[in-house]
Full PDB file with SEQRES, HELIX, SHEET, SSBOND, CRYST1, ORIGX, SCALE, CONECT and MASTER records, all heavy atoms in Angstrom:
SEQRES   1 A   40  MET ASP ILE SER PHE ASP GLU SER LYS MET ALA GLU LYS          
SEQRES   2 A   40  LYS SER ASP SER SER ARG SER ARG ALA LYS ALA TYR SER          
SEQRES   3 A   40  TYR VAL SER SER VAL GLY GLY VAL ILE GLU THR HIS HIS          
SEQRES   4 A   40  THR                                                          
HELIX    1 AA1 GLU A    7  ARG A   21  1                                  15    
SHEET    1 AA1 2 TYR A  27  VAL A  31  0                                        
SHEET    2 AA1 2 VAL A  34  HIS A  38 -1                                        
CRYST1    1.000    1.000    1.000  90.00  90.00  90.00 P 1           1          
ORIGX1      1.000000  0.000000  0.000000        0.00000                         
ORIGX2      0.000000  1.000000  0.000000        0.00000                         
ORIGX3      0.000000  0.000000  1.000000        0.00000                         
SCALE1      1.000000  0.000000  0.000000        0.00000                         
SCALE2      0.000000  1.000000  0.000000        0.00000                         
SCALE3      0.000000  0.000000  1.000000        0.00000                         
ATOM      1  N   MET A   1      35.702 -18.638  -4.353  1.00  0.00           N  
ATOM      2  CA  MET A   1      35.640 -19.656  -3.385  1.00  0.00           C  
ATOM      3  C   MET A   1      35.787 -18.994  -1.982  1.00  0.00           C  
ATOM      4  O   MET A   1      35.656 -19.676  -0.946  1.00  0.00           O  
ATOM      5  CB  MET A   1      36.819 -20.707  -3.554  1.00  0.00           C  
ATOM      6  CG  MET A   1      36.771 -21.346  -4.886  1.00  0.00           C  
ATOM      7  SD  MET A   1      35.328 -22.411  -4.989  1.00  0.00           S  
ATOM      8  CE  MET A   1      35.723 -23.694  -3.812  1.00  0.00           C  
ATOM      9  N   ASP A   2      35.895 -17.749  -1.854  1.00  0.00           N  
ATOM     10  CA  ASP A   2      35.995 -17.041  -0.588  1.00  0.00           C  
ATOM     11  C   ASP A   2      34.624 -16.901  -0.074  1.00  0.00           C  
ATOM     12  O   ASP A   2      33.777 -16.207  -0.573  1.00  0.00           O  
ATOM     13  CB  ASP A   2      36.736 -15.737  -0.717  1.00  0.00           C  
ATOM     14  CG  ASP A   2      36.876 -14.923   0.510  1.00  0.00           C  
ATOM     15  OD1 ASP A   2      36.538 -15.526   1.476  1.00  0.00           O  
ATOM     16  OD2 ASP A   2      37.379 -13.798   0.384  1.00  0.00           O  
ATOM     17  N   ILE A   3      34.316 -17.655   1.030  1.00  0.00           N  
ATOM     18  CA  ILE A   3      32.988 -17.469   1.720  1.00  0.00           C  
ATOM     19  C   ILE A   3      33.030 -16.551   2.997  1.00  0.00           C  
ATOM     20  O   ILE A   3      32.078 -16.609   3.728  1.00  0.00           O  
ATOM     21  CB  ILE A   3      32.271 -18.926   2.012  1.00  0.00           C  
ATOM     22  CG1 ILE A   3      33.319 -19.537   3.034  1.00  0.00           C  
ATOM     23  CG2 ILE A   3      32.164 -19.605   0.756  1.00  0.00           C  
ATOM     24  CD1 ILE A   3      32.688 -20.901   3.542  1.00  0.00           C  
ATOM     25  N   SER A   4      34.011 -15.638   3.120  1.00  0.00           N  
ATOM     26  CA  SER A   4      33.907 -14.769   4.186  1.00  0.00           C  
ATOM     27  C   SER A   4      32.968 -13.645   3.872  1.00  0.00           C  
ATOM     28  O   SER A   4      32.715 -13.454   2.592  1.00  0.00           O  
ATOM     29  CB  SER A   4      35.335 -14.132   4.392  1.00  0.00           C  
ATOM     30  OG  SER A   4      35.845 -13.445   3.251  1.00  0.00           O  
ATOM     31  N   PHE A   5      32.567 -13.042   4.825  1.00  0.00           N  
ATOM     32  CA  PHE A   5      31.418 -12.045   4.588  1.00  0.00           C  
ATOM     33  C   PHE A   5      31.831 -10.739   5.243  1.00  0.00           C  
ATOM     34  O   PHE A   5      32.777 -10.478   5.947  1.00  0.00           O  
ATOM     35  CB  PHE A   5      30.090 -12.531   5.181  1.00  0.00           C  
ATOM     36  CG  PHE A   5      30.105 -12.876   6.746  1.00  0.00           C  
ATOM     37  CD1 PHE A   5      30.036 -11.750   7.554  1.00  0.00           C  
ATOM     38  CD2 PHE A   5      30.297 -14.101   7.131  1.00  0.00           C  
ATOM     39  CE1 PHE A   5      30.076 -12.019   8.958  1.00  0.00           C  
ATOM     40  CE2 PHE A   5      30.384 -14.366   8.504  1.00  0.00           C  
ATOM     41  CZ  PHE A   5      30.150 -13.435   9.444  1.00  0.00           C  
ATOM     42  N   ASP A   6      31.116  -9.699   4.649  1.00  0.00           N  
ATOM     43  CA  ASP A   6      31.342  -8.362   5.204  1.00  0.00           C  
ATOM     44  C   ASP A   6      30.525  -8.085   6.581  1.00  0.00           C  
ATOM     45  O   ASP A   6      29.223  -8.126   6.601  1.00  0.00           O  
ATOM     46  CB  ASP A   6      30.797  -7.434   4.095  1.00  0.00           C  
ATOM     47  CG  ASP A   6      31.036  -5.790   4.366  1.00  0.00           C  
ATOM     48  OD1 ASP A   6      31.118  -5.475   5.652  1.00  0.00           O  
ATOM     49  OD2 ASP A   6      31.305  -5.203   3.573  1.00  0.00           O  
ATOM     50  N   GLU A   7      31.315  -7.962   7.581  1.00  0.00           N  
ATOM     51  CA  GLU A   7      30.645  -7.870   8.851  1.00  0.00           C  
ATOM     52  C   GLU A   7      29.808  -6.719   9.066  1.00  0.00           C  
ATOM     53  O   GLU A   7      28.709  -6.715   9.767  1.00  0.00           O  
ATOM     54  CB  GLU A   7      31.783  -7.866   9.947  1.00  0.00           C  
ATOM     55  CG  GLU A   7      32.610  -9.172  10.120  1.00  0.00           C  
ATOM     56  CD  GLU A   7      33.546  -9.175  11.313  1.00  0.00           C  
ATOM     57  OE1 GLU A   7      33.483  -8.077  11.997  1.00  0.00           O  
ATOM     58  OE2 GLU A   7      34.298 -10.024  11.392  1.00  0.00           O  
ATOM     59  N   SER A   8      30.069  -5.516   8.351  1.00  0.00           N  
ATOM     60  CA  SER A   8      29.269  -4.369   8.390  1.00  0.00           C  
ATOM     61  C   SER A   8      27.854  -4.612   7.737  1.00  0.00           C  
ATOM     62  O   SER A   8      26.758  -4.259   8.264  1.00  0.00           O  
ATOM     63  CB  SER A   8      29.953  -3.145   7.703  1.00  0.00           C  
ATOM     64  OG  SER A   8      30.125  -3.371   6.332  1.00  0.00           O  
ATOM     65  N   LYS A   9      27.985  -5.374   6.623  1.00  0.00           N  
ATOM     66  CA  LYS A   9      26.594  -5.739   5.873  1.00  0.00           C  
ATOM     67  C   LYS A   9      25.802  -6.691   6.757  1.00  0.00           C  
ATOM     68  O   LYS A   9      24.628  -6.654   6.876  1.00  0.00           O  
ATOM     69  CB  LYS A   9      26.980  -6.447   4.545  1.00  0.00           C  
ATOM     70  CG  LYS A   9      27.560  -5.356   3.570  1.00  0.00           C  
ATOM     71  CD  LYS A   9      27.577  -6.102   2.194  1.00  0.00           C  
ATOM     72  CE  LYS A   9      28.027  -4.986   1.145  1.00  0.00           C  
ATOM     73  NZ  LYS A   9      28.199  -5.611  -0.218  1.00  0.00           N  
ATOM     74  N   MET A  10      26.523  -7.624   7.555  1.00  0.00           N  
ATOM     75  CA  MET A  10      25.845  -8.655   8.404  1.00  0.00           C  
ATOM     76  C   MET A  10      25.196  -7.972   9.471  1.00  0.00           C  
ATOM     77  O   MET A  10      24.085  -8.130   9.804  1.00  0.00           O  
ATOM     78  CB  MET A  10      26.872  -9.715   8.814  1.00  0.00           C  
ATOM     79  CG  MET A  10      26.157 -10.681   9.817  1.00  0.00           C  
ATOM     80  SD  MET A  10      25.014 -11.666   9.002  1.00  0.00           S  
ATOM     81  CE  MET A  10      26.092 -12.966   8.265  1.00  0.00           C  
ATOM     82  N   ALA A  11      25.787  -7.001  10.016  1.00  0.00           N  
ATOM     83  CA  ALA A  11      25.198  -6.049  11.142  1.00  0.00           C  
ATOM     84  C   ALA A  11      24.104  -5.324  10.753  1.00  0.00           C  
ATOM     85  O   ALA A  11      23.105  -5.179  11.373  1.00  0.00           O  
ATOM     86  CB  ALA A  11      26.378  -5.173  11.698  1.00  0.00           C  
ATOM     87  N   GLU A  12      24.231  -4.754   9.479  1.00  0.00           N  
ATOM     88  CA  GLU A  12      23.074  -3.911   8.872  1.00  0.00           C  
ATOM     89  C   GLU A  12      21.976  -4.794   8.573  1.00  0.00           C  
ATOM     90  O   GLU A  12      20.824  -4.363   8.899  1.00  0.00           O  
ATOM     91  CB  GLU A  12      23.595  -3.266   7.574  1.00  0.00           C  
ATOM     92  CG  GLU A  12      22.425  -2.385   6.998  1.00  0.00           C  
ATOM     93  CD  GLU A  12      22.950  -1.774   5.708  1.00  0.00           C  
ATOM     94  OE1 GLU A  12      24.292  -1.777   5.572  1.00  0.00           O  
ATOM     95  OE2 GLU A  12      22.153  -1.306   4.874  1.00  0.00           O  
ATOM     96  N   LYS A  13      22.172  -6.072   8.143  1.00  0.00           N  
ATOM     97  CA  LYS A  13      21.094  -6.965   7.824  1.00  0.00           C  
ATOM     98  C   LYS A  13      20.459  -7.309   9.172  1.00  0.00           C  
ATOM     99  O   LYS A  13      19.153  -7.398   9.287  1.00  0.00           O  
ATOM    100  CB  LYS A  13      21.612  -8.249   7.227  1.00  0.00           C  
ATOM    101  CG  LYS A  13      20.452  -9.206   6.673  1.00  0.00           C  
ATOM    102  CD  LYS A  13      21.105 -10.332   5.912  1.00  0.00           C  
ATOM    103  CE  LYS A  13      19.825 -11.256   5.470  1.00  0.00           C  
ATOM    104  NZ  LYS A  13      20.498 -12.291   4.635  1.00  0.00           N  
ATOM    105  N   LYS A  14      21.058  -7.555  10.214  1.00  0.00           N  
ATOM    106  CA  LYS A  14      20.476  -8.031  11.572  1.00  0.00           C  
ATOM    107  C   LYS A  14      19.774  -6.897  12.112  1.00  0.00           C  
ATOM    108  O   LYS A  14      18.670  -6.865  12.692  1.00  0.00           O  
ATOM    109  CB  LYS A  14      21.559  -8.421  12.474  1.00  0.00           C  
ATOM    110  CG  LYS A  14      22.292  -9.696  12.224  1.00  0.00           C  
ATOM    111  CD  LYS A  14      23.333 -10.084  13.268  1.00  0.00           C  
ATOM    112  CE  LYS A  14      23.918 -11.433  13.008  1.00  0.00           C  
ATOM    113  NZ  LYS A  14      24.952 -11.840  13.976  1.00  0.00           N  
ATOM    114  N   SER A  15      20.278  -5.622  12.001  1.00  0.00           N  
ATOM    115  CA  SER A  15      19.603  -4.370  12.307  1.00  0.00           C  
ATOM    116  C   SER A  15      18.247  -4.244  11.539  1.00  0.00           C  
ATOM    117  O   SER A  15      17.178  -4.087  12.213  1.00  0.00           O  
ATOM    118  CB  SER A  15      20.370  -3.213  12.079  1.00  0.00           C  
ATOM    119  OG  SER A  15      19.710  -1.976  12.442  1.00  0.00           O  
ATOM    120  N   ASP A  16      18.216  -4.448  10.401  1.00  0.00           N  
ATOM    121  CA  ASP A  16      17.104  -4.427   9.494  1.00  0.00           C  
ATOM    122  C   ASP A  16      15.974  -5.408   9.938  1.00  0.00           C  
ATOM    123  O   ASP A  16      14.838  -5.250   9.964  1.00  0.00           O  
ATOM    124  CB  ASP A  16      17.333  -4.600   7.942  1.00  0.00           C  
ATOM    125  CG  ASP A  16      18.052  -3.325   7.440  1.00  0.00           C  
ATOM    126  OD1 ASP A  16      18.138  -2.299   8.084  1.00  0.00           O  
ATOM    127  OD2 ASP A  16      18.706  -3.495   6.282  1.00  0.00           O  
ATOM    128  N   SER A  17      16.544  -6.623  10.241  1.00  0.00           N  
ATOM    129  CA  SER A  17      15.666  -7.696  10.683  1.00  0.00           C  
ATOM    130  C   SER A  17      15.028  -7.449  11.982  1.00  0.00           C  
ATOM    131  O   SER A  17      13.795  -7.658  12.184  1.00  0.00           O  
ATOM    132  CB  SER A  17      16.343  -9.077  10.724  1.00  0.00           C  
ATOM    133  OG  SER A  17      15.569 -10.135  11.209  1.00  0.00           O  
ATOM    134  N   SER A  18      15.802  -6.890  12.909  1.00  0.00           N  
ATOM    135  CA  SER A  18      15.328  -6.582  14.240  1.00  0.00           C  
ATOM    136  C   SER A  18      14.292  -5.400  14.067  1.00  0.00           C  
ATOM    137  O   SER A  18      13.203  -5.406  14.789  1.00  0.00           O  
ATOM    138  CB  SER A  18      16.412  -6.093  15.066  1.00  0.00           C  
ATOM    139  OG  SER A  18      16.056  -5.639  16.355  1.00  0.00           O  
ATOM    140  N   ARG A  19      14.521  -4.511  13.226  1.00  0.00           N  
ATOM    141  CA  ARG A  19      13.633  -3.370  12.965  1.00  0.00           C  
ATOM    142  C   ARG A  19      12.282  -3.933  12.334  1.00  0.00           C  
ATOM    143  O   ARG A  19      11.175  -3.372  12.835  1.00  0.00           O  
ATOM    144  CB  ARG A  19      14.283  -2.390  11.964  1.00  0.00           C  
ATOM    145  CG  ARG A  19      13.442  -1.115  11.831  1.00  0.00           C  
ATOM    146  CD  ARG A  19      13.995  -0.114  10.912  1.00  0.00           C  
ATOM    147  NE  ARG A  19      13.218   1.097  10.705  1.00  0.00           N  
ATOM    148  CZ  ARG A  19      13.411   2.079  11.357  1.00  0.00           C  
ATOM    149  NH1 ARG A  19      14.307   2.172  12.357  1.00  0.00           N  
ATOM    150  NH2 ARG A  19      12.549   3.244  11.302  1.00  0.00           N  
ATOM    151  N   SER A  20      12.363  -4.800  11.453  1.00  0.00           N  
ATOM    152  CA  SER A  20      11.157  -5.322  10.789  1.00  0.00           C  
ATOM    153  C   SER A  20      10.137  -6.020  11.960  1.00  0.00           C  
ATOM    154  O   SER A  20       8.933  -5.942  11.861  1.00  0.00           O  
ATOM    155  CB  SER A  20      11.430  -6.242   9.699  1.00  0.00           C  
ATOM    156  OG  SER A  20      11.968  -7.423  10.204  1.00  0.00           O  
ATOM    157  N   ARG A  21      10.860  -6.662  12.995  1.00  0.00           N  
ATOM    158  CA  ARG A  21      10.031  -7.317  14.019  1.00  0.00           C  
ATOM    159  C   ARG A  21       9.529  -6.326  15.161  1.00  0.00           C  
ATOM    160  O   ARG A  21       8.602  -6.706  15.876  1.00  0.00           O  
ATOM    161  CB  ARG A  21      10.873  -8.404  14.519  1.00  0.00           C  
ATOM    162  CG  ARG A  21      11.159  -9.542  13.630  1.00  0.00           C  
ATOM    163  CD  ARG A  21      11.710 -10.740  14.430  1.00  0.00           C  
ATOM    164  NE  ARG A  21      12.944 -10.440  15.070  1.00  0.00           N  
ATOM    165  CZ  ARG A  21      14.061 -10.578  14.689  1.00  0.00           C  
ATOM    166  NH1 ARG A  21      14.371 -10.857  13.395  1.00  0.00           N  
ATOM    167  NH2 ARG A  21      15.182 -10.178  15.456  1.00  0.00           N  
ATOM    168  N   ALA A  22      10.231  -5.201  15.259  1.00  0.00           N  
ATOM    169  CA  ALA A  22       9.809  -4.248  16.353  1.00  0.00           C  
ATOM    170  C   ALA A  22       8.507  -3.633  16.160  1.00  0.00           C  
ATOM    171  O   ALA A  22       8.105  -3.514  15.131  1.00  0.00           O  
ATOM    172  CB  ALA A  22      10.811  -3.141  16.511  1.00  0.00           C  
ATOM    173  N   LYS A  23       7.796  -3.344  17.288  1.00  0.00           N  
ATOM    174  CA  LYS A  23       6.544  -2.766  17.221  1.00  0.00           C  
ATOM    175  C   LYS A  23       6.685  -1.247  16.683  1.00  0.00           C  
ATOM    176  O   LYS A  23       7.525  -0.571  17.020  1.00  0.00           O  
ATOM    177  CB  LYS A  23       5.963  -2.640  18.721  1.00  0.00           C  
ATOM    178  CG  LYS A  23       4.570  -2.163  18.769  1.00  0.00           C  
ATOM    179  CD  LYS A  23       4.061  -2.106  20.055  1.00  0.00           C  
ATOM    180  CE  LYS A  23       2.546  -1.528  20.266  1.00  0.00           C  
ATOM    181  NZ  LYS A  23       2.006  -1.505  21.631  1.00  0.00           N  
ATOM    182  N   ALA A  24       5.598  -0.916  15.881  1.00  0.00           N  
ATOM    183  CA  ALA A  24       5.701   0.380  15.127  1.00  0.00           C  
ATOM    184  C   ALA A  24       5.107   1.464  16.154  1.00  0.00           C  
ATOM    185  O   ALA A  24       4.192   1.334  16.841  1.00  0.00           O  
ATOM    186  CB  ALA A  24       4.839   0.441  13.915  1.00  0.00           C  
ATOM    187  N   TYR A  25       5.820   2.669  16.023  1.00  0.00           N  
ATOM    188  CA  TYR A  25       5.394   3.797  16.626  1.00  0.00           C  
ATOM    189  C   TYR A  25       4.363   4.514  15.762  1.00  0.00           C  
ATOM    190  O   TYR A  25       3.378   4.915  16.152  1.00  0.00           O  
ATOM    191  CB  TYR A  25       6.438   4.722  17.128  1.00  0.00           C  
ATOM    192  CG  TYR A  25       6.060   6.175  17.530  1.00  0.00           C  
ATOM    193  CD1 TYR A  25       5.684   6.266  18.895  1.00  0.00           C  
ATOM    194  CD2 TYR A  25       6.020   7.127  16.654  1.00  0.00           C  
ATOM    195  CE1 TYR A  25       5.250   7.563  19.397  1.00  0.00           C  
ATOM    196  CE2 TYR A  25       5.723   8.530  17.188  1.00  0.00           C  
ATOM    197  CZ  TYR A  25       5.246   8.629  18.499  1.00  0.00           C  
ATOM    198  OH  TYR A  25       4.799   9.878  18.898  1.00  0.00           O  
ATOM    199  N   SER A  26       4.739   4.555  14.555  1.00  0.00           N  
ATOM    200  CA  SER A  26       3.887   5.097  13.447  1.00  0.00           C  
ATOM    201  C   SER A  26       4.434   4.582  12.087  1.00  0.00           C  
ATOM    202  O   SER A  26       5.437   3.924  12.033  1.00  0.00           O  
ATOM    203  CB  SER A  26       3.871   6.655  13.520  1.00  0.00           C  
ATOM    204  OG  SER A  26       5.144   7.202  13.160  1.00  0.00           O  
ATOM    205  N   TYR A  27       3.805   5.028  11.053  1.00  0.00           N  
ATOM    206  CA  TYR A  27       4.107   4.814   9.692  1.00  0.00           C  
ATOM    207  C   TYR A  27       4.172   6.108   9.013  1.00  0.00           C  
ATOM    208  O   TYR A  27       3.236   6.935   9.117  1.00  0.00           O  
ATOM    209  CB  TYR A  27       3.187   3.941   8.939  1.00  0.00           C  
ATOM    210  CG  TYR A  27       3.204   2.549   9.533  1.00  0.00           C  
ATOM    211  CD1 TYR A  27       2.272   2.232  10.570  1.00  0.00           C  
ATOM    212  CD2 TYR A  27       4.150   1.433   9.095  1.00  0.00           C  
ATOM    213  CE1 TYR A  27       2.264   0.939  11.164  1.00  0.00           C  
ATOM    214  CE2 TYR A  27       4.040   0.270   9.651  1.00  0.00           C  
ATOM    215  CZ  TYR A  27       3.193  -0.026  10.674  1.00  0.00           C  
ATOM    216  OH  TYR A  27       3.261  -1.252  11.320  1.00  0.00           O  
ATOM    217  N   VAL A  28       5.262   6.350   8.211  1.00  0.00           N  
ATOM    218  CA  VAL A  28       5.489   7.673   7.548  1.00  0.00           C  
ATOM    219  C   VAL A  28       5.294   7.362   5.998  1.00  0.00           C  
ATOM    220  O   VAL A  28       5.856   6.438   5.526  1.00  0.00           O  
ATOM    221  CB  VAL A  28       6.827   8.315   7.845  1.00  0.00           C  
ATOM    222  CG1 VAL A  28       6.932   9.641   7.011  1.00  0.00           C  
ATOM    223  CG2 VAL A  28       6.954   8.457   9.269  1.00  0.00           C  
ATOM    224  N   SER A  29       4.497   8.176   5.333  1.00  0.00           N  
ATOM    225  CA  SER A  29       4.458   7.945   3.884  1.00  0.00           C  
ATOM    226  C   SER A  29       4.561   9.428   3.221  1.00  0.00           C  
ATOM    227  O   SER A  29       4.460  10.479   3.651  1.00  0.00           O  
ATOM    228  CB  SER A  29       2.929   7.530   3.554  1.00  0.00           C  
ATOM    229  OG  SER A  29       1.898   8.587   3.787  1.00  0.00           O  
ATOM    230  N   SER A  30       5.107   9.220   1.864  1.00  0.00           N  
ATOM    231  CA  SER A  30       5.243  10.381   0.982  1.00  0.00           C  
ATOM    232  C   SER A  30       4.688   9.992  -0.337  1.00  0.00           C  
ATOM    233  O   SER A  30       5.175   9.140  -1.011  1.00  0.00           O  
ATOM    234  CB  SER A  30       6.779  10.706   0.962  1.00  0.00           C  
ATOM    235  OG  SER A  30       7.018  11.801   0.009  1.00  0.00           O  
ATOM    236  N   VAL A  31       3.659  10.840  -0.699  1.00  0.00           N  
ATOM    237  CA  VAL A  31       3.116  10.636  -1.998  1.00  0.00           C  
ATOM    238  C   VAL A  31       3.104  12.048  -2.721  1.00  0.00           C  
ATOM    239  O   VAL A  31       2.461  12.952  -2.234  1.00  0.00           O  
ATOM    240  CB  VAL A  31       1.674  10.166  -1.854  1.00  0.00           C  
ATOM    241  CG1 VAL A  31       1.038   9.910  -3.244  1.00  0.00           C  
ATOM    242  CG2 VAL A  31       1.594   8.838  -1.222  1.00  0.00           C  
ATOM    243  N   GLY A  32       3.640  12.135  -3.774  1.00  0.00           N  
ATOM    244  CA  GLY A  32       3.743  13.460  -4.604  1.00  0.00           C  
ATOM    245  C   GLY A  32       4.475  14.492  -3.847  1.00  0.00           C  
ATOM    246  O   GLY A  32       4.128  15.637  -4.077  1.00  0.00           O  
ATOM    247  N   GLY A  33       5.308  14.178  -2.967  1.00  0.00           N  
ATOM    248  CA  GLY A  33       6.044  15.031  -2.163  1.00  0.00           C  
ATOM    249  C   GLY A  33       5.387  15.435  -0.869  1.00  0.00           C  
ATOM    250  O   GLY A  33       5.897  16.224  -0.014  1.00  0.00           O  
ATOM    251  N   VAL A  34       4.140  15.056  -0.659  1.00  0.00           N  
ATOM    252  CA  VAL A  34       3.391  15.287   0.569  1.00  0.00           C  
ATOM    253  C   VAL A  34       3.506  14.278   1.508  1.00  0.00           C  
ATOM    254  O   VAL A  34       3.280  13.168   1.327  1.00  0.00           O  
ATOM    255  CB  VAL A  34       1.901  15.532   0.314  1.00  0.00           C  
ATOM    256  CG1 VAL A  34       1.068  15.783   1.533  1.00  0.00           C  
ATOM    257  CG2 VAL A  34       1.752  16.643  -0.791  1.00  0.00           C  
ATOM    258  N   ILE A  35       4.159  14.597   2.768  1.00  0.00           N  
ATOM    259  CA  ILE A  35       4.322  13.574   3.797  1.00  0.00           C  
ATOM    260  C   ILE A  35       3.296  13.606   4.800  1.00  0.00           C  
ATOM    261  O   ILE A  35       2.898  14.700   5.228  1.00  0.00           O  
ATOM    262  CB  ILE A  35       5.668  14.022   4.473  1.00  0.00           C  
ATOM    263  CG1 ILE A  35       6.834  13.955   3.609  1.00  0.00           C  
ATOM    264  CG2 ILE A  35       6.038  12.984   5.531  1.00  0.00           C  
ATOM    265  CD1 ILE A  35       8.155  14.514   3.966  1.00  0.00           C  
ATOM    266  N   GLU A  36       2.921  12.350   5.176  1.00  0.00           N  
ATOM    267  CA  GLU A  36       1.746  12.156   6.307  1.00  0.00           C  
ATOM    268  C   GLU A  36       2.330  11.012   7.180  1.00  0.00           C  
ATOM    269  O   GLU A  36       3.134  10.183   6.785  1.00  0.00           O  
ATOM    270  CB  GLU A  36       0.555  11.759   5.641  1.00  0.00           C  
ATOM    271  CG  GLU A  36      -0.087  12.867   4.763  1.00  0.00           C  
ATOM    272  CD  GLU A  36      -1.487  12.448   4.325  1.00  0.00           C  
ATOM    273  OE1 GLU A  36      -2.011  11.517   4.784  1.00  0.00           O  
ATOM    274  OE2 GLU A  36      -2.018  13.288   3.445  1.00  0.00           O  
ATOM    275  N   THR A  37       1.817  11.160   8.437  1.00  0.00           N  
ATOM    276  CA  THR A  37       2.055   9.957   9.390  1.00  0.00           C  
ATOM    277  C   THR A  37       0.686   9.262   9.721  1.00  0.00           C  
ATOM    278  O   THR A  37      -0.266   9.881   9.590  1.00  0.00           O  
ATOM    279  CB  THR A  37       2.644  10.528  10.612  1.00  0.00           C  
ATOM    280  OG1 THR A  37       1.696  11.438  11.281  1.00  0.00           O  
ATOM    281  CG2 THR A  37       3.966  11.328  10.416  1.00  0.00           C  
ATOM    282  N   HIS A  38       0.868   8.049   9.964  1.00  0.00           N  
ATOM    283  CA  HIS A  38      -0.227   7.178  10.171  1.00  0.00           C  
ATOM    284  C   HIS A  38      -0.106   6.279  11.439  1.00  0.00           C  
ATOM    285  O   HIS A  38       1.051   5.931  11.678  1.00  0.00           O  
ATOM    286  CB  HIS A  38      -0.473   6.317   8.965  1.00  0.00           C  
ATOM    287  CG  HIS A  38      -0.339   6.886   7.733  1.00  0.00           C  
ATOM    288  ND1 HIS A  38      -1.367   7.573   7.068  1.00  0.00           N  
ATOM    289  CD2 HIS A  38       0.741   7.037   6.834  1.00  0.00           C  
ATOM    290  CE1 HIS A  38      -0.921   8.105   6.009  1.00  0.00           C  
ATOM    291  NE2 HIS A  38       0.318   7.803   5.757  1.00  0.00           N  
ATOM    292  N   HIS A  39      -1.214   6.120  12.124  1.00  0.00           N  
ATOM    293  CA  HIS A  39      -1.081   5.349  13.323  1.00  0.00           C  
ATOM    294  C   HIS A  39      -0.999   3.778  12.995  1.00  0.00           C  
ATOM    295  O   HIS A  39      -0.605   3.063  13.901  1.00  0.00           O  
ATOM    296  CB  HIS A  39      -2.368   5.526  14.305  1.00  0.00           C  
ATOM    297  CG  HIS A  39      -2.320   6.875  14.847  1.00  0.00           C  
ATOM    298  ND1 HIS A  39      -1.424   7.417  15.768  1.00  0.00           N  
ATOM    299  CD2 HIS A  39      -3.222   8.041  14.611  1.00  0.00           C  
ATOM    300  CE1 HIS A  39      -1.657   8.608  16.051  1.00  0.00           C  
ATOM    301  NE2 HIS A  39      -2.750   8.926  15.417  1.00  0.00           N  
ATOM    302  N   THR A  40      -1.575   3.384  11.906  1.00  0.00           N  
ATOM    303  CA  THR A  40      -1.599   1.943  11.515  1.00  0.00           C  
ATOM    304  C   THR A  40      -1.128   1.676  10.202  1.00  0.00           C  
ATOM    305  O   THR A  40      -1.128   2.609   9.328  1.00  0.00           O  
ATOM    306  CB  THR A  40      -3.139   1.405  11.695  1.00  0.00           C  
ATOM    307  OG1 THR A  40      -3.956   1.973  10.599  1.00  0.00           O  
ATOM    308  CG2 THR A  40      -3.721   1.708  12.960  1.00  0.00           C  
TER     309      THR A  40                                                      
MASTER        0    0    0    1    2    0    0    6  308    1    0    4          
END                                                                             
């Protein structure tokens, strides 16, 4: 019945949400251990 929340998890979630909406500088991918960057 305890509905208190973990403030650190809430802050992390807000940060993730803000990050998902932010404009991308680039995208980084790793396939088979090979890392590449992409403009789109």
